[in-house]
Amino acid sequence: MGTILGTSEILALSLPLSLSVAALGSAMGLGRVVASAVEATARQPEAAGKVLVNMMAGAALIEALTIYVLILVFMLMGKIQ
């Protein structure tokens, strides 16, 4: 018969997985943000300042997702016994 996973085992498997998915999504999002900013600056060099400010604001929000998931993982690691 198969064994049934308990809460601790499920957390031990899902916490690293959730962190890696968040990091992957963040990396893909940041790549798209930077690529779009470089393309916009190449098209209109005079708007480089505005593009940079918007890119930095977007990058900060994207990175916040990964930081929130990291904090959640640390909080839930205390539940693993």
Protein backbone atom coordinates (compact mmCIF):
# COMPACT_ATOMS: atom_id res chain seq x y z
CA MET A 1 0.00 0.00 0.00
CA GLY A 2 1.11 3.55 -0.64
CA THR A 3 1.92 5.92 2.13
CA ILE A 4 -0.07 9.07 2.71
CA LEU A 5 1.94 12.26 2.94
CA GLY A 6 1.45 14.36 6.02
CA THR A 7 1.40 18.13 6.29
CA SER A 8 5.13 18.33 7.00
CA GLU A 9 6.05 16.30 3.94
CA ILE A 10 3.75 18.31 1.71
CA LEU A 11 5.24 21.57 2.99
CA ALA A 12 8.77 20.22 2.56
CA LEU A 13 8.02 19.47 -1.09
CA SER A 14 5.92 22.51 -1.96
CA LEU A 15 7.94 25.30 -0.34
CA PRO A 16 11.05 25.00 -2.55
CA LEU A 17 8.84 24.43 -5.57
CA SER A 18 6.81 27.58 -4.93
CA LEU A 19 9.96 29.64 -4.42
CA SER A 20 11.49 28.36 -7.64
CA VAL A 21 8.32 29.09 -9.63
CA ALA A 22 8.20 32.63 -8.22
CA ALA A 23 11.88 33.16 -9.02
CA LEU A 24 11.42 31.86 -12.55
CA GLY A 25 8.42 34.11 -13.13
CA SER A 26 10.29 37.06 -11.72
CA ALA A 27 13.30 36.40 -13.95
CA MET A 28 11.13 36.10 -17.04
CA GLY A 29 9.25 39.28 -16.15
CA LEU A 30 12.44 41.22 -15.52
CA GLY A 31 13.84 40.03 -18.83
CA ARG A 32 10.80 41.32 -20.66
CA VAL A 33 10.87 44.64 -18.80
CA VAL A 34 14.51 45.29 -19.60
CA ALA A 35 14.14 44.18 -23.22
CA SER A 36 11.18 46.49 -23.70
CA ALA A 37 13.01 49.38 -22.04
CA VAL A 38 16.04 48.92 -24.29
CA GLU A 39 13.79 48.77 -27.35
CA ALA A 40 11.90 51.90 -26.30
CA THR A 41 15.16 53.77 -25.67
CA ALA A 42 16.47 52.70 -29.08
CA ARG A 43 13.32 54.03 -30.75
CA GLN A 44 13.18 57.31 -28.83
CA PRO A 45 16.51 58.20 -27.20
CA GLU A 46 15.11 61.51 -25.94
CA ALA A 47 12.64 59.62 -23.70
CA ALA A 48 15.35 57.51 -22.05
CA GLY A 49 14.86 59.16 -18.64
CA LYS A 50 11.13 58.44 -18.51
CA VAL A 51 11.66 54.90 -19.75
CA LEU A 52 14.30 54.27 -17.10
CA VAL A 53 12.06 55.52 -14.28
CA ASN A 54 9.15 53.37 -15.44
CA MET A 55 11.43 50.37 -15.90
CA MET A 56 12.81 50.69 -12.37
CA ALA A 57 9.32 51.01 -10.87
CA GLY A 58 8.17 47.91 -12.76
CA ALA A 59 11.29 45.97 -11.80
CA ALA A 60 10.76 46.82 -8.13
CA LEU A 61 7.19 45.52 -8.25
CA ILE A 62 8.29 42.33 -10.00
CA GLU A 63 11.03 41.71 -7.44
CA ALA A 64 8.54 42.29 -4.62
CA LEU A 65 6.74 39.09 -5.64
CA THR A 66 9.85 36.99 -5.12
CA ILE A 67 10.60 38.67 -1.80
CA TYR A 68 7.05 38.05 -0.58
CA VAL A 69 7.28 34.37 -1.52
CA LEU A 70 10.67 34.10 0.20
CA ILE A 71 9.23 35.57 3.40
CA LEU A 72 6.26 33.21 3.20
CA VAL A 73 8.59 30.23 2.73
CA PHE A 74 10.61 31.24 5.79
CA MET A 75 7.43 31.61 7.83
CA LEU A 76 6.10 28.22 6.77
CA MET A 77 9.44 26.46 7.31
CA GLY A 78 8.70 26.69 11.03
CA LYS A 79 5.69 24.44 10.49
CA ILE A 80 7.85 21.57 9.20
CA GLN A 81 8.70 19.13 11.96
